[in-house]
Amino acid sequence: MVPSPPPLTWRVKEPTPEAAAALSRSLGLPPLAAQILCHRDLHDPEQARRFLCPGLEQLPMPEEMLGLPQALEIIIPAIRSGAVIGVAGDYDADGVTATALLVEFLEACGASVVWDLPHRVKDGYGFKPQRARRLAQAGAQVIVTADCGISDHEGVNEATRLGLPVVVTDHHLLPPGPLVPAAAVVNPKQEACGMSVHLAGVGVAFYLAAGIRAALREAGWFKDRPEPNLRHSLDLVALGTCADVVPLVEANRVLVAEGLKVMSQGLRPGLAALAKVAGRKGVLDTMDLGFYLAPRINAAGRLDSPDPALELLLASEEGQALRRAQRLDRLNGDRREVESVIFEQALKCIGDDASLQEAACLVLGGEGWHQGVLGIVAGRLLERTGRPTMLFSVQNGTAVGSGRSREGFHLQRALAANAELLTHYGGHALAAGATMPSADLGRLAQALALEAARHLPPDTGQALDIDAQVSLGQLGPQMLEHIGRLAPFGQANPEPMLCAHGLEVDSCRVVGENHLKMELSQDGVRLPAIAFNCDEPWIENGSRLSAAFIPRISTFRGPHLEMVIKDLRPSA
């Protein structure tokens, strides 16, 4: 039997009534909204006011980016002399949007541009030597990377051997040892860089473009040609930033907020077409970007070449954009099918293996499993079982894998502790990847299971952080308007999570495959609620329950407040 995750642990944040009351008085906010701001460490009224009103004037200046002057010394002469600039991006949505931004911007400045994106299986991640050779063959005389390159000494050395100076723009952590030997390195994670360390790759590309534009303006380059409006590129910045799940704080919050405004104007045919095929209407939000648009951009690079995604973003004509968006939509459907097959095969492996059912960390390998979807499936298995999971595609004696973890088990460190088994590895606390000889998968599985057992107490569910306990009577339209001002929501700024007790089920019915639609009441106040993927047979009309939920405005059949349930339990 496949193990089920233990119940979620509700972790209600400690109220700070004095700080919340002071903030409420200063900003004219309801106490609940002020308390939520305090939980985001926004106690100072001026700091909170800036957070609630993000604007471009809050962005740091490009000069704060370490490495920018050296990059301009390479790129500005290339533009002015007519040299061909090659842009080397990555295959995910952040890398594709960063590439689109630089290609579009450089061409608008009058530069000749060629571009190259990696094939996930044939090239692997990063700026590899063969990519330098491809760009050289395409005529590039200068190379600018986008969302990659900080670890790619071999690729940069190959470009240098070919006589092509390389400007690395990246946002990933710097590896130990010497800095990559590029002509310039633009990465906010360098020590002594004054820029926000949270920028995505597309955010770094945006700042490079801003620096280039300022330098060209000072040189009089735009006297005889129109100056590119970088505000029009903020839709790409918003999409790539949300797709890469970087913290939506500081500069990222401003860039995404402004990018959503640009997106609502429908200026980019490719994104308008992508929203159409994804069934998203009206003003888009970060959920639309992260769960509907980004997966379709990523689908191309997950299953094959990412080129169609970039071609969509660069499309200038509506009909062409729609055809390209429809192709990505089909690829996304294919991706879901491939993902579903691997998910079911993995569940069967777990169900047939008693040792896996007891393991604190799941490590599975499958012959020919598609590398492009392993991370997604690992995330689904983590959600299904509550256990950190690594999945490997096995082929010709080599296993290439991706994993997802939960709070309390740092997956990258666990891999580092077993580096002798691995050919390559990397990642973060909650997501990591590795390449290794397939013969050593069993040893890795044992090691990770032991490590996870030490860090994750048995039968301890994942924590669900809750901002406040409320009554339904507190959730009027005005309150929702104030909570909405906390948007854009995302990593490090999640939608407010609330809880309420003693709710009565006035009605309930199953909708879709396994979703529960309810009407909940408390002290005469009645609100609609939806619980997705809910398997709670004890719930019926008249049941009393406690709910952890996100208050959200639903536009289905007219705008109204709806409780989006995240967890349920019986209430006395």
Protein backbone atom coordinates (compact mmCIF):
# COMPACT_ATOMS: atom_id res chain seq x y z
CA MET A 1 0.00 0.00 0.00
CA VAL A 2 1.24 3.48 -0.86
CA PRO A 3 1.72 5.45 2.39
CA SER A 4 -0.47 8.49 2.95
CA PRO A 5 0.95 11.70 4.37
CA PRO A 6 0.39 12.37 8.07
CA PRO A 7 -2.06 15.17 8.88
CA LEU A 8 -0.88 18.72 8.39
CA THR A 9 0.32 20.48 11.51
CA TRP A 10 -1.48 23.80 11.91
CA ARG A 11 0.98 26.45 13.03
CA VAL A 12 -0.98 29.57 13.98
CA LYS A 13 1.33 32.56 14.17
CA GLU A 14 1.52 34.39 17.47
CA PRO A 15 -0.53 37.61 17.40
CA THR A 16 1.29 40.90 17.97
CA PRO A 17 -1.66 43.08 19.04
CA GLU A 18 0.30 46.20 19.99
CA ALA A 19 2.32 46.31 16.76
CA ALA A 20 -0.77 45.50 14.68
CA ALA A 21 -2.81 48.21 16.42
CA ALA A 22 -0.09 50.81 15.82
CA LEU A 23 0.12 49.87 12.15
CA SER A 24 -3.68 49.87 11.87
CA ARG A 25 -3.84 53.43 13.23
CA SER A 26 -1.00 54.70 11.02
CA LEU A 27 -2.32 53.26 7.75
CA GLY A 28 -6.06 53.14 8.41
CA LEU A 29 -6.16 49.36 8.00
CA PRO A 30 -8.46 46.84 9.69
CA PRO A 31 -6.65 45.06 12.55
CA LEU A 32 -6.58 41.74 10.67
CA ALA A 33 -4.87 43.26 7.61
CA ALA A 34 -2.39 45.05 9.89
CA GLN A 35 -1.65 41.79 11.72
CA ILE A 36 -0.93 40.01 8.44
CA LEU A 37 1.53 42.77 7.51
CA CYS A 38 3.25 42.35 10.88
CA HIS A 39 3.60 38.62 10.19
CA ARG A 40 5.54 39.65 7.06
CA ASP A 41 7.94 41.69 9.23
CA LEU A 42 6.38 44.95 8.04
CA HIS A 43 6.04 46.75 11.37
CA ASP A 44 7.28 50.15 10.24
CA PRO A 45 4.45 52.25 8.71
CA GLU A 46 6.61 53.69 5.94
CA GLN A 47 8.01 50.28 5.05
CA ALA A 48 4.49 48.85 5.00
CA ARG A 49 3.22 51.74 2.87
CA ARG A 50 5.93 51.09 0.26
CA PHE A 51 5.04 47.40 0.30
CA LEU A 52 1.36 48.14 -0.30
CA CYS A 53 2.12 50.58 -3.14
CA PRO A 54 4.93 49.04 -5.22
CA GLY A 55 6.17 51.33 -7.99
CA LEU A 56 9.08 51.61 -10.40
CA GLU A 57 10.55 54.47 -8.36
CA GLN A 58 11.34 51.90 -5.66
CA LEU A 59 13.68 49.91 -7.91
CA PRO A 60 17.42 50.08 -7.22
CA MET A 61 19.50 51.71 -9.95
CA PRO A 62 21.39 49.53 -12.47
CA GLU A 63 24.70 50.95 -11.21
CA GLU A 64 24.27 48.87 -8.06
CA MET A 65 24.80 45.67 -10.08
CA LEU A 66 28.35 44.40 -9.67
CA GLY A 67 29.98 43.59 -13.01
CA LEU A 68 27.78 45.92 -15.07
CA PRO A 69 30.60 48.35 -16.06
CA GLN A 70 32.71 45.47 -17.37
CA ALA A 71 29.72 44.10 -19.28
CA LEU A 72 29.10 47.48 -20.90
CA GLU A 73 32.74 47.66 -22.01
CA ILE A 74 32.06 44.56 -24.12
CA ILE A 75 28.48 45.11 -25.28
CA ILE A 76 28.39 48.85 -26.12
CA PRO A 77 31.27 48.68 -28.66
CA ALA A 78 29.69 45.54 -30.14
CA ILE A 79 26.39 47.36 -30.73
CA ARG A 80 28.05 50.48 -32.14
CA SER A 81 30.32 48.51 -34.48
CA GLY A 82 27.58 46.23 -35.79
CA ALA A 83 29.12 43.07 -34.32
CA VAL A 84 26.83 40.06 -34.03
CA ILE A 85 25.80 39.38 -30.44
CA GLY A 86 24.90 35.82 -29.46
CA VAL A 87 22.47 35.28 -26.59
CA ALA A 88 22.81 31.92 -24.82
CA GLY A 89 19.77 31.15 -22.66
CA ASP A 90 18.39 28.26 -20.64
CA TYR A 91 15.53 25.83 -21.35
CA ASP A 92 13.18 26.81 -18.52
CA ALA A 93 10.70 29.69 -18.43
CA ASP A 94 13.11 32.00 -16.61
CA GLY A 95 15.84 31.34 -19.15
CA VAL A 96 13.50 31.61 -22.12
CA THR A 97 11.99 34.92 -20.96
CA ALA A 98 15.47 36.29 -20.19
CA THR A 99 16.60 35.32 -23.68
CA ALA A 100 13.51 36.88 -25.27
CA LEU A 101 14.07 40.11 -23.35
CA LEU A 102 17.70 40.44 -24.42
CA VAL A 103 17.10 39.45 -28.05
CA GLU A 104 14.19 41.88 -28.38
CA PHE A 105 16.00 44.71 -26.59
CA LEU A 106 19.31 44.35 -28.43
CA GLU A 107 17.55 44.24 -31.80
CA ALA A 108 15.59 47.37 -30.83
CA CYS A 109 18.95 49.05 -30.15
CA GLY A 110 20.04 48.21 -33.69
CA ALA A 111 22.22 45.21 -32.89
CA SER A 112 22.51 42.05 -34.96
CA VAL A 113 21.51 39.12 -32.74
CA VAL A 114 21.58 35.33 -32.88
CA TRP A 115 20.42 33.07 -30.07
CA ASP A 116 20.83 29.54 -28.76
CA LEU A 117 18.87 27.52 -26.22
CA PRO A 118 19.98 24.12 -24.88
CA HIS A 119 18.23 20.83 -25.42
CA ARG A 120 17.64 19.30 -21.98
CA VAL A 121 18.76 15.79 -22.97
CA LYS A 122 21.27 16.48 -25.77
CA ASP A 123 22.99 19.48 -24.17
CA GLY A 124 22.07 19.33 -20.51
CA TYR A 125 21.92 22.38 -18.29
CA GLY A 126 24.16 25.41 -18.70
CA PHE A 127 26.51 26.96 -21.24
CA LYS A 128 28.35 23.95 -22.59
CA PRO A 129 31.28 24.07 -25.09
CA GLN A 130 29.12 22.85 -27.98
CA ARG A 131 26.83 25.83 -27.46
CA ALA A 132 29.76 28.23 -27.81
CA ARG A 133 30.65 26.48 -31.06
CA ARG A 134 27.07 26.70 -32.34
CA LEU A 135 26.92 30.44 -31.69
CA ALA A 136 30.30 30.95 -33.35
CA GLN A 137 29.06 29.05 -36.41
CA ALA A 138 25.96 31.29 -36.44
CA GLY A 139 28.24 34.32 -36.71
CA ALA A 140 28.33 35.56 -33.11
CA GLN A 141 31.29 37.77 -32.21
CA VAL A 142 30.24 38.39 -28.60
CA ILE A 143 28.22 36.10 -26.30
CA VAL A 144 25.84 37.14 -23.53
CA THR A 145 24.42 34.35 -21.38
CA ALA A 146 20.93 34.53 -19.88
CA ASP A 147 20.10 32.63 -16.68
CA CYS A 148 23.16 30.41 -16.98
CA GLY A 149 26.93 30.40 -17.15
CA ILE A 150 28.07 31.03 -13.58
CA SER A 151 29.35 27.44 -13.25
CA ASP A 152 30.32 26.85 -16.87
CA HIS A 153 34.10 27.22 -17.01
CA GLU A 154 34.44 24.82 -19.94
CA GLY A 155 31.89 26.63 -22.09
CA VAL A 156 33.39 30.05 -21.36
CA ASN A 157 36.90 28.75 -22.06
CA GLU A 158 35.73 27.31 -25.38
CA ALA A 159 34.18 30.64 -26.38
CA THR A 160 37.40 32.43 -25.42
CA ARG A 161 39.42 29.96 -27.49
CA LEU A 162 37.17 30.82 -30.43
CA GLY A 163 37.83 34.53 -29.89
CA LEU A 164 34.40 35.37 -28.46
CA PRO A 165 34.29 37.40 -25.23
CA VAL A 166 31.54 36.21 -22.88
CA VAL A 167 29.34 38.29 -20.60
CA VAL A 168 27.74 35.98 -18.03
CA THR A 169 24.36 37.07 -16.66
CA ASP A 170 23.00 34.64 -14.08
CA HIS A 171 21.33 34.52 -10.68
CA HIS A 172 22.30 31.08 -9.43
CA LEU A 173 24.62 30.54 -6.49
CA LEU A 174 28.31 30.87 -7.27
CA PRO A 175 30.10 27.53 -7.01
CA PRO A 176 33.13 27.23 -4.72
CA GLY A 177 36.48 28.05 -6.27
CA PRO A 178 37.57 30.64 -8.83
CA LEU A 179 35.01 32.82 -10.59
CA VAL A 180 34.10 31.70 -14.10
CA PRO A 181 36.73 33.27 -16.47
CA ALA A 182 34.31 35.46 -18.44
CA ALA A 183 35.00 38.97 -19.69
CA ALA A 184 32.27 40.14 -17.30
CA VAL A 185 30.05 38.49 -14.69
CA VAL A 186 26.70 40.06 -13.82
CA ASN A 187 25.18 38.13 -10.92
CA PRO A 188 23.56 39.69 -7.83
CA LYS A 189 24.76 36.82 -5.65
CA GLN A 190 28.36 37.99 -5.93
CA GLU A 191 29.77 39.37 -2.70
CA ALA A 192 29.77 43.18 -2.53
CA CYS A 193 26.92 43.43 -5.06
CA GLY A 194 24.36 45.97 -3.91
CA MET A 195 21.52 44.53 -5.96
CA SER A 196 18.75 42.34 -4.54
CA VAL A 197 19.99 38.75 -4.32
CA HIS A 198 16.47 37.50 -5.06
CA LEU A 199 16.35 38.54 -8.73
CA ALA A 200 15.50 35.81 -11.23
CA GLY A 201 17.57 35.37 -14.37
CA VAL A 202 15.12 37.52 -16.33
CA GLY A 203 15.44 40.23 -13.65
CA VAL A 204 19.21 40.26 -14.11
CA ALA A 205 18.71 40.50 -17.88
CA PHE A 206 16.35 43.45 -17.34
CA TYR A 207 18.98 45.31 -15.32
CA LEU A 208 21.64 44.60 -17.94
CA ALA A 209 19.31 46.06 -20.58
CA ALA A 210 18.68 49.12 -18.40
CA GLY A 211 22.42 49.66 -18.05
CA ILE A 212 22.98 49.26 -21.80
CA ARG A 213 20.21 51.74 -22.58
CA ALA A 214 21.62 54.34 -20.18
CA ALA A 215 25.11 54.02 -21.68
CA LEU A 216 23.83 54.26 -25.26
CA ARG A 217 21.68 57.26 -24.33
CA GLU A 218 24.71 59.02 -22.88
CA ALA A 219 26.65 58.27 -26.07
CA GLY A 220 23.91 59.86 -28.21
CA TRP A 221 23.01 56.54 -29.83
CA PHE A 222 19.28 57.29 -29.81
CA LYS A 223 19.42 60.65 -31.58
CA ASP A 224 18.59 58.99 -34.89
CA ARG A 225 16.62 55.94 -33.68
CA PRO A 226 13.82 55.34 -31.17
CA GLU A 227 14.86 54.46 -27.64
CA PRO A 228 13.50 51.09 -26.45
CA ASN A 229 10.82 51.34 -23.77
CA LEU A 230 11.90 48.79 -21.17
CA ARG A 231 8.54 49.03 -19.45
CA HIS A 232 7.18 46.97 -22.35
CA SER A 233 9.57 44.16 -21.32
CA LEU A 234 8.19 43.91 -17.80
CA ASP A 235 5.59 41.33 -18.88
CA LEU A 236 8.49 38.97 -19.63
CA VAL A 237 10.10 39.83 -16.29
CA ALA A 238 6.87 39.06 -14.42
CA LEU A 239 6.40 35.70 -16.16
CA GLY A 240 9.98 34.51 -15.70
CA THR A 241 10.13 35.69 -12.10
CA CYS A 242 6.92 33.89 -11.13
CA ALA A 243 7.93 30.77 -13.04
CA ASP A 244 11.25 30.52 -11.18
CA VAL A 245 9.51 30.77 -7.78
CA VAL A 246 11.95 33.34 -6.41
CA PRO A 247 10.88 35.45 -3.41
CA LEU A 248 8.39 38.16 -4.41
CA VAL A 249 9.98 40.79 -2.21
CA GLU A 250 12.10 43.89 -2.80
CA ALA A 251 12.76 44.51 -6.51
CA ASN A 252 10.93 41.35 -7.56
CA ARG A 253 7.69 42.58 -6.01
CA VAL A 254 7.88 45.82 -7.97
CA LEU A 255 8.88 44.13 -11.23
CA VAL A 256 6.04 41.60 -11.03
CA ALA A 257 3.42 44.17 -9.97
CA GLU A 258 4.35 46.45 -12.87
CA GLY A 259 4.71 43.51 -15.25
CA LEU A 260 1.16 42.38 -14.53
CA LYS A 261 -0.05 45.87 -15.44
CA VAL A 262 1.82 45.70 -18.74
CA MET A 263 0.44 42.22 -19.40
CA SER A 264 -3.12 43.47 -18.90
CA GLN A 265 -2.61 45.84 -21.84
CA GLY A 266 -2.13 42.89 -24.22
CA LEU A 267 0.91 44.40 -25.92
CA ARG A 268 2.66 41.07 -26.58
CA PRO A 269 0.83 38.81 -29.06
CA GLY A 270 2.56 35.68 -27.74
CA LEU A 271 1.41 36.11 -24.16
CA ALA A 272 -2.09 37.14 -25.19
CA ALA A 273 -2.34 33.98 -27.30
CA LEU A 274 -0.91 31.83 -24.51
CA ALA A 275 -3.49 33.16 -22.05
CA LYS A 276 -6.22 32.44 -24.59
CA VAL A 277 -5.28 28.79 -25.15
CA ALA A 278 -4.88 28.36 -21.38
CA GLY A 279 -8.42 29.62 -20.84
CA ARG A 280 -7.36 32.61 -18.74
CA LYS A 281 -9.52 35.69 -19.19
CA GLY A 282 -9.48 39.19 -17.78
CA VAL A 283 -6.68 40.59 -15.65
CA LEU A 284 -4.03 37.96 -14.92
CA ASP A 285 -2.42 37.40 -11.52
CA THR A 286 0.61 35.49 -10.29
CA MET A 287 -1.40 32.27 -10.03
CA ASP A 288 -2.27 32.52 -13.72
CA LEU A 289 1.39 33.03 -14.57
CA GLY A 290 2.73 30.27 -12.33
CA PHE A 291 0.10 27.59 -12.93
CA TYR A 292 -1.17 28.23 -16.46
CA LEU A 293 1.27 30.23 -18.60
CA ALA A 294 4.64 29.09 -17.23
CA PRO A 295 3.89 25.34 -17.54
CA ARG A 296 3.13 25.83 -21.23
CA ILE A 297 6.38 27.75 -21.74
CA ASN A 298 8.25 25.03 -19.83
CA ALA A 299 6.57 22.18 -21.70
CA ALA A 300 8.67 22.72 -24.82
CA GLY A 301 11.97 22.43 -22.96
CA ARG A 302 10.77 19.57 -20.79
CA LEU A 303 9.87 17.30 -23.70
CA ASP A 304 12.12 18.51 -26.52
CA SER A 305 13.64 21.77 -27.75
CA PRO A 306 12.67 25.00 -25.93
CA ASP A 307 12.92 26.95 -29.20
CA PRO A 308 9.12 27.05 -29.85
CA ALA A 309 8.59 28.81 -26.52
CA LEU A 310 11.07 31.55 -27.40
CA GLU A 311 9.60 31.88 -30.88
CA LEU A 312 6.17 32.40 -29.30
CA LEU A 313 7.41 35.20 -27.03
CA LEU A 314 9.09 36.93 -29.99
CA ALA A 315 6.06 36.59 -32.30
CA SER A 316 4.89 39.92 -33.68
CA GLU A 317 1.68 38.87 -35.45
CA GLU A 318 -1.49 37.59 -33.74
CA GLY A 319 -2.21 34.68 -36.07
CA GLN A 320 1.37 33.45 -35.90
CA ALA A 321 1.33 33.81 -32.11
CA LEU A 322 -1.90 31.82 -31.79
CA ARG A 323 -0.53 28.94 -33.87
CA ARG A 324 2.61 28.83 -31.76
CA ALA A 325 0.62 29.02 -28.52
CA GLN A 326 -1.59 26.14 -29.67
CA ARG A 327 1.54 24.08 -30.31
CA LEU A 328 2.77 24.75 -26.77
CA ASP A 329 -0.66 23.87 -25.42
CA ARG A 330 -0.49 20.51 -27.20
CA LEU A 331 3.02 19.95 -25.82
CA ASN A 332 1.74 20.72 -22.34
CA GLY A 333 -0.97 18.09 -22.81
CA ASP A 334 1.70 15.62 -23.90
CA ARG A 335 3.77 16.58 -20.85
CA ARG A 336 0.84 15.82 -18.56
CA GLU A 337 0.37 12.40 -20.17
CA VAL A 338 4.05 11.51 -19.79
CA GLU A 339 3.98 12.76 -16.21
CA SER A 340 0.86 10.71 -15.42
CA VAL A 341 2.40 7.49 -16.74
CA ILE A 342 5.56 7.92 -14.64
CA PHE A 343 3.50 8.87 -11.57
CA GLU A 344 1.41 5.69 -11.83
CA GLN A 345 4.52 3.55 -12.41
CA ALA A 346 6.18 5.10 -9.36
CA LEU A 347 3.09 4.49 -7.21
CA LYS A 348 3.11 0.83 -8.28
CA CYS A 349 6.81 0.53 -7.39
CA ILE A 350 6.08 1.89 -3.93
CA GLY A 351 3.01 -0.31 -3.47
CA ASP A 352 4.99 -3.42 -4.42
CA ASP A 353 8.03 -2.71 -2.22
CA ALA A 354 7.65 -2.97 1.56
CA SER A 355 11.03 -1.30 2.17
CA LEU A 356 9.97 1.73 0.14
CA GLN A 357 6.75 1.97 2.12
CA GLU A 358 8.81 2.32 5.30
CA ALA A 359 11.51 4.62 3.88
CA ALA A 360 11.64 8.20 5.17
CA CYS A 361 12.86 9.34 1.73
CA LEU A 362 11.76 7.74 -1.53
CA VAL A 363 14.37 7.09 -4.23
CA LEU A 364 13.16 5.37 -7.40
CA GLY A 365 14.62 4.78 -10.85
CA GLY A 366 12.92 3.85 -14.09
CA GLU A 367 14.31 2.79 -17.45
CA GLY A 368 13.70 5.54 -19.96
CA TRP A 369 11.68 7.81 -17.67
CA HIS A 370 11.60 11.22 -19.31
CA GLN A 371 14.06 13.52 -17.55
CA GLY A 372 11.99 16.61 -18.26
CA VAL A 373 9.12 15.72 -15.92
CA LEU A 374 10.90 13.98 -13.04
CA GLY A 375 10.85 17.05 -10.80
CA ILE A 376 7.12 17.53 -11.29
CA VAL A 377 6.38 13.87 -10.54
CA ALA A 378 8.65 13.95 -7.49
CA GLY A 379 6.63 16.91 -6.23
CA ARG A 380 3.38 15.01 -6.75
CA LEU A 381 4.75 12.00 -4.87
CA LEU A 382 5.88 14.26 -2.02
CA GLU A 383 2.35 15.63 -1.83
CA ARG A 384 0.84 12.13 -2.05
CA THR A 385 3.07 10.48 0.57
CA GLY A 386 4.46 13.34 2.65
CA ARG A 387 8.00 12.03 2.02
CA PRO A 388 10.95 13.65 0.22
CA THR A 389 11.30 11.99 -3.17
CA MET A 390 14.00 11.61 -5.82
CA LEU A 391 13.24 10.07 -9.21
CA PHE A 392 15.89 8.95 -11.68
CA SER A 393 15.79 8.20 -15.38
CA VAL A 394 18.06 5.23 -16.03
CA GLN A 395 19.73 4.72 -19.40
CA ASN A 396 22.98 3.02 -20.45
CA GLY A 397 24.27 2.73 -16.89
CA THR A 398 23.64 6.37 -16.00
CA ALA A 399 20.90 7.72 -13.76
CA VAL A 400 19.79 11.35 -14.10
CA GLY A 401 17.40 12.50 -11.39
CA SER A 402 15.45 15.28 -9.81
CA GLY A 403 13.99 15.52 -6.32
CA ARG A 404 11.65 17.50 -4.11
CA SER A 405 11.76 17.81 -0.34
CA ARG A 406 9.86 19.38 2.56
CA GLU A 407 10.73 21.63 5.45
CA GLY A 408 13.18 19.93 7.79
CA PHE A 409 15.14 17.94 5.19
CA HIS A 410 17.70 19.91 3.14
CA LEU A 411 17.93 17.83 -0.03
CA GLN A 412 20.99 19.52 -1.52
CA ARG A 413 22.99 19.02 1.69
CA ALA A 414 21.89 15.40 1.84
CA LEU A 415 23.23 14.90 -1.67
CA ALA A 416 26.45 16.71 -0.78
CA ALA A 417 26.95 14.30 2.12
CA ASN A 418 26.89 11.47 -0.44
CA ALA A 419 28.90 13.21 -3.15
CA GLU A 420 31.17 10.18 -3.57
CA LEU A 421 28.23 8.35 -5.18
CA LEU A 422 27.41 11.17 -7.59
CA THR A 423 28.88 12.42 -10.84
CA HIS A 424 27.14 15.79 -10.57
CA TYR A 425 24.64 17.31 -8.16
CA GLY A 426 23.17 20.67 -7.28
CA GLY A 427 20.09 22.50 -6.15
CA HIS A 428 18.52 23.92 -3.02
CA ALA A 429 16.90 22.81 0.23
CA LEU A 430 13.59 21.78 -1.31
CA ALA A 431 14.59 20.93 -4.90
CA ALA A 432 17.75 19.30 -6.22
CA GLY A 433 19.09 17.14 -9.01
CA ALA A 434 21.89 14.64 -9.52
CA THR A 435 23.62 12.44 -12.08
CA MET A 436 25.22 9.17 -11.02
CA PRO A 437 26.03 5.58 -12.05
CA SER A 438 22.77 3.66 -11.94
CA ALA A 439 24.51 0.80 -10.10
CA ASP A 440 24.78 3.04 -7.02
CA LEU A 441 21.09 3.97 -6.80
CA GLY A 442 20.46 1.45 -4.04
CA ARG A 443 23.26 2.88 -1.89
CA LEU A 444 21.95 6.42 -2.40
CA ALA A 445 18.42 5.32 -1.50
CA GLN A 446 19.62 3.81 1.78
CA ALA A 447 21.73 6.86 2.64
CA LEU A 448 18.98 9.39 1.94
CA ALA A 449 16.40 7.33 3.84
CA LEU A 450 18.66 7.24 6.91
CA GLU A 451 19.38 10.96 6.64
CA ALA A 452 15.69 11.83 6.28
CA ALA A 453 14.77 9.63 9.25
CA ARG A 454 17.22 11.60 11.40
CA HIS A 455 15.71 14.95 10.42
CA LEU A 456 12.00 14.16 10.01
CA PRO A 457 10.24 12.69 13.07
CA PRO A 458 7.87 9.86 12.08
CA ASP A 459 4.23 10.75 11.55
CA THR A 460 4.96 14.48 11.63
CA GLY A 461 2.95 16.26 8.98
CA GLN A 462 4.12 19.25 7.03
CA ALA A 463 3.49 22.55 8.75
CA LEU A 464 0.67 24.79 7.55
CA ASP A 465 1.45 28.35 8.62
CA ILE A 466 -1.70 30.27 9.54
CA ASP A 467 -1.78 34.05 9.83
CA ALA A 468 -4.76 34.33 12.16
CA GLN A 469 -7.83 32.65 13.59
CA VAL A 470 -10.95 34.52 12.43
CA SER A 471 -14.71 34.47 12.46
CA LEU A 472 -16.57 34.52 9.15
CA GLY A 473 -18.07 37.85 10.15
CA GLN A 474 -14.62 39.47 9.77
CA LEU A 475 -14.45 38.61 6.07
CA GLY A 476 -16.46 41.37 4.45
CA PRO A 477 -15.76 42.95 1.04
CA GLN A 478 -13.70 45.75 2.59
CA MET A 479 -11.46 43.28 4.37
CA LEU A 480 -10.86 41.37 1.14
CA GLU A 481 -9.98 44.62 -0.61
CA HIS A 482 -7.32 45.34 2.01
CA ILE A 483 -5.95 41.80 1.87
CA GLY A 484 -5.83 42.09 -1.93
CA ARG A 485 -3.42 45.00 -1.56
CA LEU A 486 -0.83 42.51 -0.31
CA ALA A 487 -0.63 41.09 -3.86
CA PRO A 488 1.25 40.08 -5.93
CA PHE A 489 1.42 36.83 -4.01
CA GLY A 490 4.11 34.20 -4.35
CA GLN A 491 7.20 32.84 -2.67
CA ALA A 492 7.95 34.72 0.60
CA ASN A 493 4.63 36.57 0.27
CA PRO A 494 1.95 33.87 0.21
CA GLU A 495 -1.76 34.53 0.14
CA PRO A 496 -2.98 35.00 3.72
CA MET A 497 -3.89 31.70 5.35
CA LEU A 498 -6.66 31.89 7.96
CA CYS A 499 -8.47 29.39 10.13
CA ALA A 500 -11.95 29.27 11.65
CA HIS A 501 -13.58 26.84 14.09
CA GLY A 502 -17.15 25.75 14.70
CA LEU A 503 -18.27 26.01 11.07
CA GLU A 504 -21.49 24.24 10.11
CA VAL A 505 -21.90 22.54 6.73
CA ASP A 506 -25.18 23.82 5.30
CA SER A 507 -24.71 22.01 2.00
CA CYS A 508 -22.03 19.96 0.25
CA ARG A 509 -21.65 18.20 -3.07
CA VAL A 510 -18.84 16.69 -5.12
CA VAL A 511 -17.90 18.61 -8.26
CA GLY A 512 -15.40 17.63 -10.93
CA GLU A 513 -13.34 14.55 -10.15
CA ASN A 514 -12.86 14.89 -6.40
CA HIS A 515 -13.60 18.46 -5.31
CA LEU A 516 -16.03 19.35 -2.54
CA LYS A 517 -18.26 22.39 -2.97
CA MET A 518 -19.81 23.58 0.31
CA GLU A 519 -21.78 26.32 2.00
CA LEU A 520 -20.38 26.99 5.48
CA SER A 521 -22.00 29.09 8.18
CA GLN A 522 -21.07 30.56 11.53
CA ASP A 523 -23.17 32.86 13.74
CA GLY A 524 -25.53 33.72 10.91
CA VAL A 525 -22.81 34.43 8.34
CA ARG A 526 -22.75 32.05 5.36
CA LEU A 527 -19.97 31.71 2.78
CA PRO A 528 -19.28 29.38 -0.17
CA ALA A 529 -16.21 27.15 0.06
CA ILE A 530 -14.31 24.81 -2.24
CA ALA A 531 -11.95 22.02 -1.14
CA PHE A 532 -9.89 20.65 -4.04
CA ASN A 533 -8.94 16.96 -4.15
CA CYS A 534 -10.87 16.39 -0.94
CA ASP A 535 -11.36 12.83 0.29
CA GLU A 536 -13.18 13.36 3.58
CA PRO A 537 -16.16 10.95 3.73
CA TRP A 538 -17.20 12.20 7.19
CA ILE A 539 -18.33 15.56 5.79
CA GLU A 540 -22.09 15.82 5.21
CA ASN A 541 -24.88 18.32 5.73
CA GLY A 542 -24.93 19.33 9.37
CA SER A 543 -21.29 18.41 10.06
CA ARG A 544 -19.28 20.84 12.19
CA LEU A 545 -15.71 21.46 11.18
CA SER A 546 -12.61 23.59 11.50
CA ALA A 547 -11.05 24.89 8.30
CA ALA A 548 -7.72 26.36 7.26
CA PHE A 549 -8.40 28.44 4.17
CA ILE A 550 -7.41 31.25 1.84
CA PRO A 551 -10.07 33.95 1.35
CA ARG A 552 -10.28 34.65 -2.36
CA ILE A 553 -12.52 36.53 -4.77
CA SER A 554 -14.08 34.09 -7.24
CA THR A 555 -15.28 35.45 -10.59
CA PHE A 556 -17.31 32.36 -11.46
CA ARG A 557 -20.91 33.53 -12.00
CA GLY A 558 -20.10 37.01 -10.77
CA PRO A 559 -17.47 38.18 -8.28
CA HIS A 560 -17.95 36.92 -4.73
CA LEU A 561 -15.92 35.87 -1.71
CA GLU A 562 -15.01 32.18 -1.55
CA MET A 563 -13.11 30.16 1.02
CA VAL A 564 -10.45 28.02 -0.68
CA ILE A 565 -9.98 25.21 1.82
CA LYS A 566 -6.46 23.88 2.43
CA ASP A 567 -7.23 21.55 5.34
CA LEU A 568 -10.30 20.33 7.25
CA ARG A 569 -10.88 18.59 10.54
CA PRO A 570 -13.91 17.80 12.71
CA SER A 571 -14.93 20.48 15.18
CA ALA A 572 -16.83 20.04 18.44
